[in-house]
C-alpha cells in the first residue's frame, strides 16, 4: 500500500515531502508531486509534513479524491 498525493497539492509545490522521504519515492510533476507506488515504503513521513494535508495512505484517500490514485499510478506508468 502506497501513499497518494491528492488535489490540495495541485499548484502547491512546497516540496517538504521530498525532503523527508527516506527512499526518494516522491517526484515533481508539472502540476503537483507524485509518490512512486513501487518505491514507497509506507513510512508516513511525507504525510506528517505536508503543509496542505494532501497526502493519504491509498486505503484512506477520501472518496472525492479517488481519481488521484490512478493519476498517481499513471504518472509512473504502473498498473493498478
PDB file of N, CA and C in Angstrom:
ATOM      1  N   UNK A   1       0.851  -1.176   0.000  1.00  0.00           N
ATOM      2  CA  UNK A   1       0.000   0.000   0.000  1.00  0.00           C
ATOM      3  C   UNK A   1       0.895   1.237   0.000  1.00  0.00           C
ATOM      4  N   UNK A   2       0.678   2.103  -0.937  1.00  0.00           N
ATOM      5  CA  UNK A   2       1.482   3.318  -1.047  1.00  0.00           C
ATOM      6  C   UNK A   2       0.690   4.527  -0.571  1.00  0.00           C
ATOM      7  N   UNK A   3       1.377   5.613  -0.409  1.00  0.00           N
ATOM      8  CA  UNK A   3       0.720   6.877  -0.119  1.00  0.00           C
ATOM      9  C   UNK A   3       0.426   7.570  -1.445  1.00  0.00           C
ATOM     10  N   UNK A   4      -0.588   8.443  -1.436  1.00  0.00           N
ATOM     11  CA  UNK A   4      -1.053   9.125  -2.637  1.00  0.00           C
ATOM     12  C   UNK A   4      -1.183  10.608  -2.331  1.00  0.00           C
ATOM     13  N   UNK A   5      -0.773  11.439  -3.275  1.00  0.00           N
ATOM     14  CA  UNK A   5      -0.910  12.891  -3.136  1.00  0.00           C
ATOM     15  C   UNK A   5      -2.148  13.322  -3.903  1.00  0.00           C
ATOM     16  N   UNK A   6      -3.008  14.100  -3.256  1.00  0.00           N
ATOM     17  CA  UNK A   6      -4.309  14.473  -3.808  1.00  0.00           C
ATOM     18  C   UNK A   6      -4.394  15.966  -4.165  1.00  0.00           C
ATOM     19  N   UNK A   7      -5.599  16.424  -4.490  1.00  0.00           N
ATOM     20  CA  UNK A   7      -5.826  17.751  -5.066  1.00  0.00           C
ATOM     21  C   UNK A   7      -5.295  18.956  -4.291  1.00  0.00           C
ATOM     22  N   UNK A   8      -5.230  18.948  -2.961  1.00  0.00           N
ATOM     23  CA  UNK A   8      -4.680  20.134  -2.308  1.00  0.00           C
ATOM     24  C   UNK A   8      -3.245  20.469  -2.738  1.00  0.00           C
ATOM     25  N   UNK A   9      -2.553  19.497  -3.318  1.00  0.00           N
ATOM     26  CA  UNK A   9      -1.181  19.718  -3.783  1.00  0.00           C
ATOM     27  C   UNK A   9      -1.135  20.412  -5.141  1.00  0.00           C
ATOM     28  N   UNK A  10      -2.233  20.397  -5.878  1.00  0.00           N
ATOM     29  CA  UNK A  10      -2.234  21.000  -7.213  1.00  0.00           C
ATOM     30  C   UNK A  10      -1.744  22.439  -7.136  1.00  0.00           C
ATOM     31  N   UNK A  11      -0.640  22.709  -7.795  1.00  0.00           N
ATOM     32  CA  UNK A  11      -0.064  24.048  -7.801  1.00  0.00           C
ATOM     33  C   UNK A  11       0.687  24.430  -6.540  1.00  0.00           C
ATOM     34  N   UNK A  12       0.697  23.595  -5.535  1.00  0.00           N
ATOM     35  CA  UNK A  12       1.330  23.926  -4.248  1.00  0.00           C
ATOM     36  C   UNK A  12       2.854  23.894  -4.363  1.00  0.00           C
ATOM     37  N   UNK A  13       3.410  22.754  -4.662  1.00  0.00           N
ATOM     38  CA  UNK A  13       4.841  22.598  -4.930  1.00  0.00           C
ATOM     39  C   UNK A  13       5.786  23.054  -3.822  1.00  0.00           C
ATOM     40  N   UNK A  14       5.369  22.991  -2.559  1.00  0.00           N
ATOM     41  CA  UNK A  14       6.288  23.376  -1.484  1.00  0.00           C
ATOM     42  C   UNK A  14       7.435  22.380  -1.343  1.00  0.00           C
ATOM     43  N   UNK A  15       7.174  21.098  -1.588  1.00  0.00           N
ATOM     44  CA  UNK A  15       8.229  20.093  -1.615  1.00  0.00           C
ATOM     45  C   UNK A  15       8.727  19.597  -0.276  1.00  0.00           C
ATOM     46  N   UNK A  16       8.070  19.954   0.824  1.00  0.00           N
ATOM     47  CA  UNK A  16       8.504  19.470   2.131  1.00  0.00           C
ATOM     48  C   UNK A  16       8.550  17.940   2.157  1.00  0.00           C
ATOM     49  N   UNK A  17       7.622  17.316   1.451  1.00  0.00           N
ATOM     50  CA  UNK A  17       7.537  15.850   1.436  1.00  0.00           C
ATOM     51  C   UNK A  17       8.778  15.214   0.819  1.00  0.00           C
ATOM     52  N   UNK A  18       9.342  15.845  -0.180  1.00  0.00           N
ATOM     53  CA  UNK A  18      10.518  15.258  -0.838  1.00  0.00           C
ATOM     54  C   UNK A  18      11.728  15.259   0.083  1.00  0.00           C
ATOM     55  N   UNK A  19      11.791  16.227   0.969  1.00  0.00           N
ATOM     56  CA  UNK A  19      12.930  16.330   1.886  1.00  0.00           C
ATOM     57  C   UNK A  19      12.945  15.218   2.931  1.00  0.00           C
ATOM     58  N   UNK A  20      11.775  14.696   3.284  1.00  0.00           N
ATOM     59  CA  UNK A  20      11.719  13.691   4.356  1.00  0.00           C
ATOM     60  C   UNK A  20      11.583  12.258   3.864  1.00  0.00           C
ATOM     61  N   UNK A  21      11.334  12.060   2.592  1.00  0.00           N
ATOM     62  CA  UNK A  21      11.155  10.698   2.072  1.00  0.00           C
ATOM     63  C   UNK A  21      12.492   9.950   2.106  1.00  0.00           C
ATOM     64  N   UNK A  22      12.573   8.864   2.884  1.00  0.00           N
ATOM     65  CA  UNK A  22      13.845   8.151   3.020  1.00  0.00           C
ATOM     66  C   UNK A  22      14.251   7.331   1.791  1.00  0.00           C
ATOM     67  N   UNK A  23      13.320   7.133   0.846  1.00  0.00           N
ATOM     68  CA  UNK A  23      13.634   6.305  -0.324  1.00  0.00           C
ATOM     69  C   UNK A  23      13.496   7.079  -1.637  1.00  0.00           C
ATOM     70  N   UNK A  24      13.365   8.392  -1.568  1.00  0.00           N
ATOM     71  CA  UNK A  24      13.236   9.236  -2.764  1.00  0.00           C
ATOM     72  C   UNK A  24      12.125   8.769  -3.693  1.00  0.00           C
ATOM     73  N   UNK A  25      10.953   8.462  -3.109  1.00  0.00           N
ATOM     74  CA  UNK A  25       9.809   7.987  -3.890  1.00  0.00           C
ATOM     75  C   UNK A  25       8.950   9.124  -4.434  1.00  0.00           C
ATOM     76  N   UNK A  26       9.207  10.354  -4.012  1.00  0.00           N
ATOM     77  CA  UNK A  26       8.353  11.479  -4.412  1.00  0.00           C
ATOM     78  C   UNK A  26       9.036  12.278  -5.507  1.00  0.00           C
ATOM     79  N   UNK A  27       8.280  12.472  -6.598  1.00  0.00           N
ATOM     80  CA  UNK A  27       8.816  13.165  -7.771  1.00  0.00           C
ATOM     81  C   UNK A  27       7.915  14.323  -8.163  1.00  0.00           C
ATOM     82  N   UNK A  28       8.519  15.369  -8.671  1.00  0.00           N
ATOM     83  CA  UNK A  28       7.769  16.550  -9.084  1.00  0.00           C
ATOM     84  C   UNK A  28       7.237  16.380 -10.499  1.00  0.00           C
ATOM     85  N   UNK A  29       5.947  16.646 -10.679  1.00  0.00           N
ATOM     86  CA  UNK A  29       5.323  16.650 -11.993  1.00  0.00           C
ATOM     87  C   UNK A  29       5.041  18.083 -12.413  1.00  0.00           C
ATOM     88  N   UNK A  30       4.355  18.258 -13.503  1.00  0.00           N
ATOM     89  CA  UNK A  30       4.038  19.603 -13.979  1.00  0.00           C
ATOM     90  C   UNK A  30       3.087  20.347 -13.058  1.00  0.00           C
ATOM     91  N   UNK A  31       2.149  19.629 -12.441  1.00  0.00           N
ATOM     92  CA  UNK A  31       1.111  20.287 -11.655  1.00  0.00           C
ATOM     93  C   UNK A  31       1.136  19.975 -10.168  1.00  0.00           C
ATOM     94  N   UNK A  32       1.879  18.937  -9.768  1.00  0.00           N
ATOM     95  CA  UNK A  32       1.930  18.538  -8.365  1.00  0.00           C
ATOM     96  C   UNK A  32       3.058  17.529  -8.181  1.00  0.00           C
ATOM     97  N   UNK A  33       3.207  17.053  -6.947  1.00  0.00           N
ATOM     98  CA  UNK A  33       4.150  15.975  -6.662  1.00  0.00           C
ATOM     99  C   UNK A  33       3.422  14.642  -6.722  1.00  0.00           C
ATOM    100  N   UNK A  34       4.179  13.568  -6.972  1.00  0.00           N
ATOM    101  CA  UNK A  34       3.631  12.225  -7.079  1.00  0.00           C
ATOM    102  C   UNK A  34       4.512  11.264  -6.296  1.00  0.00           C
ATOM    103  N   UNK A  35       3.891  10.221  -5.739  1.00  0.00           N
ATOM    104  CA  UNK A  35       4.618   9.217  -4.976  1.00  0.00           C
ATOM    105  C   UNK A  35       4.671   7.920  -5.787  1.00  0.00           C
ATOM    106  N   UNK A  36       5.873   7.435  -6.018  1.00  0.00           N
ATOM    107  CA  UNK A  36       6.063   6.198  -6.775  1.00  0.00           C
ATOM    108  C   UNK A  36       5.581   5.024  -5.915  1.00  0.00           C
ATOM    109  N   UNK A  37       4.491   4.351  -6.343  1.00  0.00           N
ATOM    110  CA  UNK A  37       3.952   3.263  -5.521  1.00  0.00           C
ATOM    111  C   UNK A  37       4.878   2.056  -5.422  1.00  0.00           C
ATOM    112  N   UNK A  38       5.820   1.944  -6.332  1.00  0.00           N
ATOM    113  CA  UNK A  38       6.773   0.824  -6.283  1.00  0.00           C
ATOM    114  C   UNK A  38       7.905   1.085  -5.293  1.00  0.00           C
ATOM    115  N   UNK A  39       8.189   2.351  -5.020  1.00  0.00           N
ATOM    116  CA  UNK A  39       9.277   2.702  -4.103  1.00  0.00           C
ATOM    117  C   UNK A  39       8.793   3.026  -2.689  1.00  0.00           C
ATOM    118  N   UNK A  40       7.574   3.495  -2.565  1.00  0.00           N
ATOM    119  CA  UNK A  40       7.039   3.930  -1.270  1.00  0.00           C
ATOM    120  C   UNK A  40       7.094   2.776  -0.270  1.00  0.00           C
ATOM    121  N   UNK A  41       7.623   3.070   0.920  1.00  0.00           N
ATOM    122  CA  UNK A  41       7.727   2.050   1.972  1.00  0.00           C
ATOM    123  C   UNK A  41       6.684   2.267   3.072  1.00  0.00           C
ATOM    124  N   UNK A  42       5.727   3.133   2.824  1.00  0.00           N
ATOM    125  CA  UNK A  42       4.611   3.366   3.743  1.00  0.00           C
ATOM    126  C   UNK A  42       5.045   3.852   5.126  1.00  0.00           C
ATOM    127  N   UNK A  43       6.075   4.665   5.166  1.00  0.00           N
ATOM    128  CA  UNK A  43       6.566   5.138   6.462  1.00  0.00           C
ATOM    129  C   UNK A  43       5.722   6.283   7.026  1.00  0.00           C
ATOM    130  N   UNK A  44       5.035   7.034   6.147  1.00  0.00           N
ATOM    131  CA  UNK A  44       4.178   8.122   6.597  1.00  0.00           C
ATOM    132  C   UNK A  44       4.886   9.432   6.864  1.00  0.00           C
ATOM    133  N   UNK A  45       6.182   9.494   6.650  1.00  0.00           N
ATOM    134  CA  UNK A  45       6.927  10.728   6.915  1.00  0.00           C
ATOM    135  C   UNK A  45       6.403  11.891   6.070  1.00  0.00           C
ATOM    136  N   UNK A  46       6.059  11.616   4.834  1.00  0.00           N
ATOM    137  CA  UNK A  46       5.572  12.663   3.933  1.00  0.00           C
ATOM    138  C   UNK A  46       4.235  13.219   4.398  1.00  0.00           C
ATOM    139  N   UNK A  47       3.355  12.337   4.830  1.00  0.00           N
ATOM    140  CA  UNK A  47       2.028  12.742   5.281  1.00  0.00           C
ATOM    141  C   UNK A  47       2.128  13.723   6.453  1.00  0.00           C
ATOM    142  N   UNK A  48       3.046  13.455   7.357  1.00  0.00           N
ATOM    143  CA  UNK A  48       3.190  14.276   8.559  1.00  0.00           C
ATOM    144  C   UNK A  48       3.669  15.698   8.273  1.00  0.00           C
ATOM    145  N   UNK A  49       4.412  15.904   7.186  1.00  0.00           N
ATOM    146  CA  UNK A  49       4.965  17.233   6.921  1.00  0.00           C
ATOM    147  C   UNK A  49       4.243  17.999   5.819  1.00  0.00           C
ATOM    148  N   UNK A  50       3.251  17.403   5.189  1.00  0.00           N
ATOM    149  CA  UNK A  50       2.556  18.069   4.086  1.00  0.00           C
ATOM    150  C   UNK A  50       1.822  19.306   4.602  1.00  0.00           C
ATOM    151  N   UNK A  51       2.184  20.497   4.103  1.00  0.00           N
ATOM    152  CA  UNK A  51       1.576  21.729   4.620  1.00  0.00           C
ATOM    153  C   UNK A  51       0.125  21.933   4.193  1.00  0.00           C
ATOM    154  N   UNK A  52      -0.352  21.155   3.208  1.00  0.00           N
ATOM    155  CA  UNK A  52      -1.727  21.321   2.732  1.00  0.00           C
ATOM    156  C   UNK A  52      -2.570  20.062   2.953  1.00  0.00           C
ATOM    157  N   UNK A  53      -2.077  19.113   3.726  1.00  0.00           N
ATOM    158  CA  UNK A  53      -2.796  17.872   4.053  1.00  0.00           C
ATOM    159  C   UNK A  53      -3.300  17.156   2.807  1.00  0.00           C
ATOM    160  N   UNK A  54      -2.418  16.990   1.834  1.00  0.00           N
ATOM    161  CA  UNK A  54      -2.787  16.376   0.558  1.00  0.00           C
ATOM    162  C   UNK A  54      -2.402  14.904   0.467  1.00  0.00           C
ATOM    163  N   UNK A  55      -1.695  14.377   1.449  1.00  0.00           N
ATOM    164  CA  UNK A  55      -1.158  13.019   1.349  1.00  0.00           C
ATOM    165  C   UNK A  55      -1.930  12.065   2.255  1.00  0.00           C
ATOM    166  N   UNK A  56      -2.342  10.936   1.644  1.00  0.00           N
ATOM    167  CA  UNK A  56      -3.106   9.918   2.352  1.00  0.00           C
ATOM    168  C   UNK A  56      -2.556   8.547   2.000  1.00  0.00           C
ATOM    169  N   UNK A  57      -2.707   7.585   2.920  1.00  0.00           N
ATOM    170  CA  UNK A  57      -2.422   6.214   2.528  1.00  0.00           C
ATOM    171  C   UNK A  57      -3.495   5.843   1.507  1.00  0.00           C
ATOM    172  N   UNK A  58      -3.146   4.978   0.584  1.00  0.00           N
ATOM    173  CA  UNK A  58      -4.050   4.666  -0.526  1.00  0.00           C
ATOM    174  C   UNK A  58      -5.431   4.224  -0.045  1.00  0.00           C
ATOM    175  N   UNK A  59      -5.490   3.471   1.030  1.00  0.00           N
ATOM    176  CA  UNK A  59      -6.790   2.998   1.526  1.00  0.00           C
ATOM    177  C   UNK A  59      -7.547   4.052   2.330  1.00  0.00           C
ATOM    178  N   UNK A  60      -6.957   5.237   2.520  1.00  0.00           N
ATOM    179  CA  UNK A  60      -7.614   6.308   3.256  1.00  0.00           C
ATOM    180  C   UNK A  60      -7.910   7.542   2.406  1.00  0.00           C
ATOM    181  N   UNK A  61      -7.686   7.441   1.102  1.00  0.00           N
ATOM    182  CA  UNK A  61      -7.950   8.579   0.218  1.00  0.00           C
ATOM    183  C   UNK A  61      -9.449   8.863   0.255  1.00  0.00           C
ATOM    184  N   UNK A  62      -9.845  10.122   0.515  1.00  0.00           N
ATOM    185  CA  UNK A  62     -11.277  10.451   0.551  1.00  0.00           C
ATOM    186  C   UNK A  62     -11.970  10.085  -0.763  1.00  0.00           C
ATOM    187  N   UNK A  63     -13.242   9.759  -0.665  1.00  0.00           N
ATOM    188  CA  UNK A  63     -13.999   9.313  -1.830  1.00  0.00           C
ATOM    189  C   UNK A  63     -13.921  10.296  -2.986  1.00  0.00           C
ATOM    190  N   UNK A  64     -14.010  11.588  -2.696  1.00  0.00           N
ATOM    191  CA  UNK A  64     -13.985  12.582  -3.770  1.00  0.00           C
ATOM    192  C   UNK A  64     -12.582  12.819  -4.347  1.00  0.00           C
ATOM    193  N   UNK A  65     -11.580  12.142  -3.808  1.00  0.00           N
ATOM    194  CA  UNK A  65     -10.196  12.259  -4.281  1.00  0.00           C
ATOM    195  C   UNK A  65      -9.683  10.950  -4.890  1.00  0.00           C
ATOM    196  N   UNK A  66     -10.544   9.951  -5.030  1.00  0.00           N
ATOM    197  CA  UNK A  66     -10.138   8.628  -5.505  1.00  0.00           C
ATOM    198  C   UNK A  66      -9.451   8.662  -6.871  1.00  0.00           C
ATOM    199  N   UNK A  67      -9.803   9.610  -7.727  1.00  0.00           N
ATOM    200  CA  UNK A  67      -9.184   9.713  -9.046  1.00  0.00           C
ATOM    201  C   UNK A  67      -7.689   9.964  -8.979  1.00  0.00           C
ATOM    202  N   UNK A  68      -7.214  10.490  -7.859  1.00  0.00           N
ATOM    203  CA  UNK A  68      -5.789  10.757  -7.713  1.00  0.00           C
ATOM    204  C   UNK A  68      -4.970   9.485  -7.527  1.00  0.00           C
ATOM    205  N   UNK A  69      -5.613   8.392  -7.131  1.00  0.00           N
ATOM    206  CA  UNK A  69      -4.895   7.116  -7.045  1.00  0.00           C
ATOM    207  C   UNK A  69      -4.425   6.716  -8.441  1.00  0.00           C
ATOM    208  N   UNK A  70      -5.329   6.765  -9.405  1.00  0.00           N
ATOM    209  CA  UNK A  70      -4.975   6.415 -10.780  1.00  0.00           C
ATOM    210  C   UNK A  70      -4.049   7.463 -11.390  1.00  0.00           C
ATOM    211  N   UNK A  71      -4.290   8.736 -11.089  1.00  0.00           N
ATOM    212  CA  UNK A  71      -3.422   9.792 -11.624  1.00  0.00           C
ATOM    213  C   UNK A  71      -1.990   9.564 -11.155  1.00  0.00           C
ATOM    214  N   UNK A  72      -1.829   9.216  -9.891  1.00  0.00           N
ATOM    215  CA  UNK A  72      -0.501   8.957  -9.334  1.00  0.00           C
ATOM    216  C   UNK A  72       0.152   7.755 -10.017  1.00  0.00           C
ATOM    217  N   UNK A  73      -0.583   6.655 -10.136  1.00  0.00           N
ATOM    218  CA  UNK A  73      -0.033   5.450 -10.765  1.00  0.00           C
ATOM    219  C   UNK A  73       0.300   5.721 -12.235  1.00  0.00           C
ATOM    220  N   UNK A  74      -0.555   6.467 -12.915  1.00  0.00           N
ATOM    221  CA  UNK A  74      -0.322   6.770 -14.337  1.00  0.00           C
ATOM    222  C   UNK A  74       0.952   7.594 -14.531  1.00  0.00           C
ATOM    223  N   UNK A  75       1.251   8.457 -13.574  1.00  0.00           N
ATOM    224  CA  UNK A  75       2.472   9.267 -13.663  1.00  0.00           C
ATOM    225  C   UNK A  75       3.692   8.367 -13.753  1.00  0.00           C
ATOM    226  N   UNK A  76       3.658   7.240 -13.063  1.00  0.00           N
ATOM    227  CA  UNK A  76       4.778   6.299 -13.062  1.00  0.00           C
ATOM    228  C   UNK A  76       4.545   5.126 -14.012  1.00  0.00           C
ATOM    229  N   UNK A  77       3.436   5.143 -14.752  1.00  0.00           N
ATOM    230  CA  UNK A  77       3.100   4.092 -15.721  1.00  0.00           C
ATOM    231  C   UNK A  77       3.055   2.717 -15.087  1.00  0.00           C
ATOM    232  N   UNK A  78       2.440   2.634 -13.892  1.00  0.00           N
ATOM    233  CA  UNK A  78       2.315   1.336 -13.242  1.00  0.00           C
ATOM    234  C   UNK A  78       0.864   0.889 -13.297  1.00  0.00           C
ATOM    235  N   UNK A  79       0.641  -0.385 -13.239  1.00  0.00           N
ATOM    236  CA  UNK A  79      -0.721  -0.914 -13.271  1.00  0.00           C
ATOM    237  C   UNK A  79      -1.351  -0.853 -11.899  1.00  0.00           C
ATOM    238  N   UNK A  80      -2.671  -0.894 -11.887  1.00  0.00           N
ATOM    239  CA  UNK A  80      -3.421  -0.822 -10.631  1.00  0.00           C
ATOM    240  C   UNK A  80      -3.470  -2.183  -9.988  1.00  0.00           C
TER     241      UNK A  80
END
